[in-house]
Amino acid sequence: MTAPISHLSEAQKLTADAQVDLYQIKLRNEDTFIRFKEGNTKTWQGNIYEGMSVKISGDTRTADGEESRPQLVVMNPMGVFNLAAKRNDLDLAFVTRRRVLLTNLEADVNLFEQRMWQIGRVPQLISGQSITFELKNLTEGANFQIPVRIYMPPEFPTVSL
């Protein structure tokens, strides 16, 4: 059996298809979502992602499971984040990054790689210019416990004691 021509041509490309990062911030105490992306404004899956300057740095993963604390720098035009930052609404807010292929974004295909963090703190806020978020892993913090799941019969008949 041979592979389809489209698969062969994709495998032989020198560069991969472009990836687009779509960001969403959900405020801690409200059902408010702030959606944005680098570049132009785009609608994907019925949600509008505002185009603005975005830069994430320090997002690395290691084999030993150590999580990094990346920093997300977002343009703050006309101080749109100022009030939320002063009221501490951004503390512990959820940041979701959906990494979508450009072709899937343009075709509105719901296929993406997702990564989530919480905002640990806001180390820098320059009114009218930019805001910097220090992100932390969702499993960091006081009193965090991973939920326990017991695998026992009869729910799991292949498990024997």
C-alpha atoms as a PDB file:
ATOM      1  CA  MET A   1       0.000   0.000   0.000  1.00  0.00           C
ATOM      2  CA  THR A   2       1.428   3.388  -0.940  1.00  0.00           C
ATOM      3  CA  ALA A   3       0.957   6.664   0.844  1.00  0.00           C
ATOM      4  CA  PRO A   4      -1.229   9.323  -0.781  1.00  0.00           C
ATOM      5  CA  ILE A   5       0.593  11.941  -2.861  1.00  0.00           C
ATOM      6  CA  SER A   6      -0.476  14.713  -0.458  1.00  0.00           C
ATOM      7  CA  HIS A   7       1.210  12.898   2.453  1.00  0.00           C
ATOM      8  CA  LEU A   8       4.418  12.431   0.490  1.00  0.00           C
ATOM      9  CA  SER A   9       4.571  16.086  -0.506  1.00  0.00           C
ATOM     10  CA  GLU A  10       3.974  17.170   3.112  1.00  0.00           C
ATOM     11  CA  ALA A  11       6.757  14.875   4.341  1.00  0.00           C
ATOM     12  CA  GLN A  12       9.248  16.360   1.885  1.00  0.00           C
ATOM     13  CA  LYS A  13       8.657  20.032   2.737  1.00  0.00           C
ATOM     14  CA  LEU A  14      11.665  21.891   4.095  1.00  0.00           C
ATOM     15  CA  THR A  15       9.553  23.915   6.508  1.00  0.00           C
ATOM     16  CA  ALA A  16       6.440  22.920   8.388  1.00  0.00           C
ATOM     17  CA  ASP A  17       3.122  24.692   8.000  1.00  0.00           C
ATOM     18  CA  ALA A  18       2.814  27.864  10.011  1.00  0.00           C
ATOM     19  CA  GLN A  19       1.473  27.620  13.536  1.00  0.00           C
ATOM     20  CA  VAL A  20      -0.689  30.317  15.052  1.00  0.00           C
ATOM     21  CA  ASP A  21      -0.973  30.803  18.810  1.00  0.00           C
ATOM     22  CA  LEU A  22      -4.438  31.807  20.030  1.00  0.00           C
ATOM     23  CA  TYR A  23      -4.546  33.072  23.620  1.00  0.00           C
ATOM     24  CA  GLN A  24      -7.481  33.274  25.992  1.00  0.00           C
ATOM     25  CA  ILE A  25      -7.504  34.773  29.480  1.00  0.00           C
ATOM     26  CA  LYS A  26     -10.397  33.851  31.776  1.00  0.00           C
ATOM     27  CA  LEU A  27     -10.675  36.118  34.784  1.00  0.00           C
ATOM     28  CA  ARG A  28     -10.784  34.344  38.125  1.00  0.00           C
ATOM     29  CA  ASN A  29     -14.067  35.605  39.583  1.00  0.00           C
ATOM     30  CA  GLU A  30     -15.978  36.392  36.405  1.00  0.00           C
ATOM     31  CA  ASP A  31     -17.088  34.680  33.217  1.00  0.00           C
ATOM     32  CA  THR A  32     -15.092  37.197  31.216  1.00  0.00           C
ATOM     33  CA  PHE A  33     -12.824  36.013  28.425  1.00  0.00           C
ATOM     34  CA  ILE A  34     -10.118  38.081  26.756  1.00  0.00           C
ATOM     35  CA  ARG A  35      -9.067  36.510  23.460  1.00  0.00           C
ATOM     36  CA  PHE A  36      -6.134  37.683  21.369  1.00  0.00           C
ATOM     37  CA  LYS A  37      -3.469  36.561  18.929  1.00  0.00           C
ATOM     38  CA  GLU A  38      -0.376  37.902  17.222  1.00  0.00           C
ATOM     39  CA  GLY A  39      -1.160  39.769  14.007  1.00  0.00           C
ATOM     40  CA  ASN A  40      -4.568  40.503  12.541  1.00  0.00           C
ATOM     41  CA  THR A  41      -7.936  39.880  14.180  1.00  0.00           C
ATOM     42  CA  LYS A  42      -9.340  36.459  13.288  1.00  0.00           C
ATOM     43  CA  THR A  43     -12.518  34.513  14.027  1.00  0.00           C
ATOM     44  CA  TRP A  44     -12.048  30.815  14.851  1.00  0.00           C
ATOM     45  CA  GLN A  45     -14.708  28.420  16.140  1.00  0.00           C
ATOM     46  CA  GLY A  46     -17.118  31.332  16.649  1.00  0.00           C
ATOM     47  CA  ASN A  47     -14.715  33.290  18.885  1.00  0.00           C
ATOM     48  CA  ILE A  48     -13.048  36.545  17.853  1.00  0.00           C
ATOM     49  CA  TYR A  49      -9.332  36.749  18.643  1.00  0.00           C
ATOM     50  CA  GLU A  50      -8.194  40.373  18.624  1.00  0.00           C
ATOM     51  CA  GLY A  51      -4.949  41.031  16.832  1.00  0.00           C
ATOM     52  CA  MET A  52      -2.256  42.575  19.021  1.00  0.00           C
ATOM     53  CA  SER A  53       1.430  42.211  19.794  1.00  0.00           C
ATOM     54  CA  VAL A  54       2.111  39.135  21.923  1.00  0.00           C
ATOM     55  CA  LYS A  55       5.354  37.495  23.006  1.00  0.00           C
ATOM     56  CA  ILE A  56       5.833  34.439  25.203  1.00  0.00           C
ATOM     57  CA  SER A  57       9.281  33.551  26.498  1.00  0.00           C
ATOM     58  CA  GLY A  58      10.628  30.776  28.699  1.00  0.00           C
ATOM     59  CA  ASP A  59       8.062  28.158  27.700  1.00  0.00           C
ATOM     60  CA  THR A  60      10.171  25.015  27.968  1.00  0.00           C
ATOM     61  CA  ARG A  61       9.595  21.460  29.050  1.00  0.00           C
ATOM     62  CA  THR A  62      12.220  19.106  30.414  1.00  0.00           C
ATOM     63  CA  ALA A  63      12.386  15.329  30.550  1.00  0.00           C
ATOM     64  CA  ASP A  64      12.490  15.316  34.356  1.00  0.00           C
ATOM     65  CA  GLY A  65       9.058  16.943  34.536  1.00  0.00           C
ATOM     66  CA  GLU A  66      10.237  20.322  35.762  1.00  0.00           C
ATOM     67  CA  GLU A  67       7.891  23.034  34.572  1.00  0.00           C
ATOM     68  CA  SER A  68       9.080  26.463  33.581  1.00  0.00           C
ATOM     69  CA  ARG A  69       7.513  29.783  34.509  1.00  0.00           C
ATOM     70  CA  PRO A  70       7.082  31.498  31.158  1.00  0.00           C
ATOM     71  CA  GLN A  71       6.439  35.204  30.787  1.00  0.00           C
ATOM     72  CA  LEU A  72       3.718  36.502  28.505  1.00  0.00           C
ATOM     73  CA  VAL A  73       4.079  40.083  27.301  1.00  0.00           C
ATOM     74  CA  VAL A  74       0.929  41.566  25.758  1.00  0.00           C
ATOM     75  CA  MET A  75       0.333  44.954  24.218  1.00  0.00           C
ATOM     76  CA  ASN A  76      -1.793  47.138  26.496  1.00  0.00           C
ATOM     77  CA  PRO A  77      -3.380  49.676  24.128  1.00  0.00           C
ATOM     78  CA  MET A  78      -5.163  52.542  25.864  1.00  0.00           C
ATOM     79  CA  GLY A  79      -4.619  50.748  29.189  1.00  0.00           C
ATOM     80  CA  VAL A  80      -7.248  48.040  28.626  1.00  0.00           C
ATOM     81  CA  PHE A  81      -5.653  45.797  31.289  1.00  0.00           C
ATOM     82  CA  ASN A  82      -5.032  48.588  33.834  1.00  0.00           C
ATOM     83  CA  LEU A  83      -8.292  48.336  35.796  1.00  0.00           C
ATOM     84  CA  ALA A  84      -8.211  44.534  35.966  1.00  0.00           C
ATOM     85  CA  ALA A  85      -4.567  44.613  37.117  1.00  0.00           C
ATOM     86  CA  LYS A  86      -5.253  47.224  39.819  1.00  0.00           C
ATOM     87  CA  ARG A  87      -8.270  45.278  41.119  1.00  0.00           C
ATOM     88  CA  ASN A  88      -6.151  42.061  41.133  1.00  0.00           C
ATOM     89  CA  ASP A  89      -8.646  40.386  38.802  1.00  0.00           C
ATOM     90  CA  LEU A  90      -5.740  39.031  36.755  1.00  0.00           C
ATOM     91  CA  ASP A  91      -4.179  37.197  39.715  1.00  0.00           C
ATOM     92  CA  LEU A  92      -4.786  33.449  39.317  1.00  0.00           C
ATOM     93  CA  ALA A  93      -6.645  34.031  36.043  1.00  0.00           C
ATOM     94  CA  PHE A  94      -6.413  31.142  33.581  1.00  0.00           C
ATOM     95  CA  VAL A  95      -4.363  31.577  30.408  1.00  0.00           C
ATOM     96  CA  THR A  96      -4.997  29.108  27.594  1.00  0.00           C
ATOM     97  CA  ARG A  97      -2.818  28.887  24.515  1.00  0.00           C
ATOM     98  CA  ARG A  98      -4.230  27.001  21.565  1.00  0.00           C
ATOM     99  CA  ARG A  99      -1.627  26.309  18.891  1.00  0.00           C
ATOM    100  CA  VAL A 100      -3.386  25.888  15.546  1.00  0.00           C
ATOM    101  CA  LEU A 101      -1.980  25.234  12.090  1.00  0.00           C
ATOM    102  CA  LEU A 102      -2.606  28.139   9.744  1.00  0.00           C
ATOM    103  CA  THR A 103      -4.519  25.901   7.322  1.00  0.00           C
ATOM    104  CA  ASN A 104      -6.798  24.715  10.153  1.00  0.00           C
ATOM    105  CA  LEU A 105      -7.325  28.305  11.304  1.00  0.00           C
ATOM    106  CA  GLU A 106      -8.358  29.430   7.840  1.00  0.00           C
ATOM    107  CA  ALA A 107     -10.618  26.396   7.316  1.00  0.00           C
ATOM    108  CA  ASP A 108     -12.104  26.764  10.850  1.00  0.00           C
ATOM    109  CA  VAL A 109     -11.099  23.193  11.759  1.00  0.00           C
ATOM    110  CA  ASN A 110     -11.290  22.398  15.483  1.00  0.00           C
ATOM    111  CA  LEU A 111      -7.837  20.805  15.736  1.00  0.00           C
ATOM    112  CA  PHE A 112      -5.258  22.302  18.102  1.00  0.00           C
ATOM    113  CA  GLU A 113      -2.622  21.720  20.779  1.00  0.00           C
ATOM    114  CA  GLN A 114      -3.624  23.259  24.103  1.00  0.00           C
ATOM    115  CA  ARG A 115      -1.551  24.440  27.040  1.00  0.00           C
ATOM    116  CA  MET A 116      -2.913  26.084  30.200  1.00  0.00           C
ATOM    117  CA  TRP A 117      -1.372  28.184  32.948  1.00  0.00           C
ATOM    118  CA  GLN A 118      -2.439  30.492  35.752  1.00  0.00           C
ATOM    119  CA  ILE A 119      -1.179  34.024  36.095  1.00  0.00           C
ATOM    120  CA  GLY A 120       1.128  33.965  39.101  1.00  0.00           C
ATOM    121  CA  ARG A 121       1.764  37.694  39.189  1.00  0.00           C
ATOM    122  CA  VAL A 122       1.968  40.821  37.069  1.00  0.00           C
ATOM    123  CA  PRO A 123       5.619  41.921  37.354  1.00  0.00           C
ATOM    124  CA  GLN A 124       5.323  44.838  34.944  1.00  0.00           C
ATOM    125  CA  LEU A 125       2.517  47.110  33.776  1.00  0.00           C
ATOM    126  CA  ILE A 126       3.277  50.047  31.524  1.00  0.00           C
ATOM    127  CA  SER A 127       0.051  51.959  30.995  1.00  0.00           C
ATOM    128  CA  GLY A 128      -0.751  52.338  27.315  1.00  0.00           C
ATOM    129  CA  GLN A 129       2.168  50.141  26.234  1.00  0.00           C
ATOM    130  CA  SER A 130       2.442  46.606  27.602  1.00  0.00           C
ATOM    131  CA  ILE A 131       1.688  44.254  30.460  1.00  0.00           C
ATOM    132  CA  THR A 132       3.804  41.283  31.518  1.00  0.00           C
ATOM    133  CA  PHE A 133       2.316  38.165  33.109  1.00  0.00           C
ATOM    134  CA  GLU A 134       4.380  35.564  34.936  1.00  0.00           C
ATOM    135  CA  LEU A 135       2.638  32.268  34.293  1.00  0.00           C
ATOM    136  CA  LYS A 136       2.710  29.220  36.531  1.00  0.00           C
ATOM    137  CA  ASN A 137       1.711  25.625  36.095  1.00  0.00           C
ATOM    138  CA  LEU A 138      -1.783  24.658  37.239  1.00  0.00           C
ATOM    139  CA  THR A 139      -0.330  22.108  39.667  1.00  0.00           C
ATOM    140  CA  GLU A 140       1.741  24.707  41.543  1.00  0.00           C
ATOM    141  CA  GLY A 141       0.393  26.262  44.680  1.00  0.00           C
ATOM    142  CA  ALA A 142      -0.636  25.575  48.232  1.00  0.00           C
ATOM    143  CA  ASN A 143      -2.912  22.650  49.032  1.00  0.00           C
ATOM    144  CA  PHE A 144      -2.955  21.311  45.498  1.00  0.00           C
ATOM    145  CA  GLN A 145      -3.886  17.652  45.356  1.00  0.00           C
ATOM    146  CA  ILE A 146      -4.182  15.403  42.358  1.00  0.00           C
ATOM    147  CA  PRO A 147      -7.526  13.597  42.487  1.00  0.00           C
ATOM    148  CA  VAL A 148      -7.348   9.905  43.261  1.00  0.00           C
ATOM    149  CA  ARG A 149      -8.932   7.303  41.055  1.00  0.00           C
ATOM    150  CA  ILE A 150      -9.233   3.716  42.260  1.00  0.00           C
ATOM    151  CA  TYR A 151      -9.161   1.062  39.568  1.00  0.00           C
ATOM    152  CA  MET A 152     -11.038  -1.913  41.007  1.00  0.00           C
ATOM    153  CA  PRO A 153     -13.620  -4.423  39.868  1.00  0.00           C
ATOM    154  CA  PRO A 154     -16.509  -4.374  38.963  1.00  0.00           C
ATOM    155  CA  GLU A 155     -16.005  -1.051  37.098  1.00  0.00           C
ATOM    156  CA  PHE A 156     -12.701  -2.358  35.704  1.00  0.00           C
ATOM    157  CA  PRO A 157     -13.178  -6.095  35.067  1.00  0.00           C
ATOM    158  CA  THR A 158      -9.645  -6.613  33.700  1.00  0.00           C
ATOM    159  CA  VAL A 159      -8.084  -5.604  37.036  1.00  0.00           C
ATOM    160  CA  SER A 160      -7.536  -8.424  39.490  1.00  0.00           C
ATOM    161  CA  LEU A 161      -6.596  -8.136  43.155  1.00  0.00           C
END
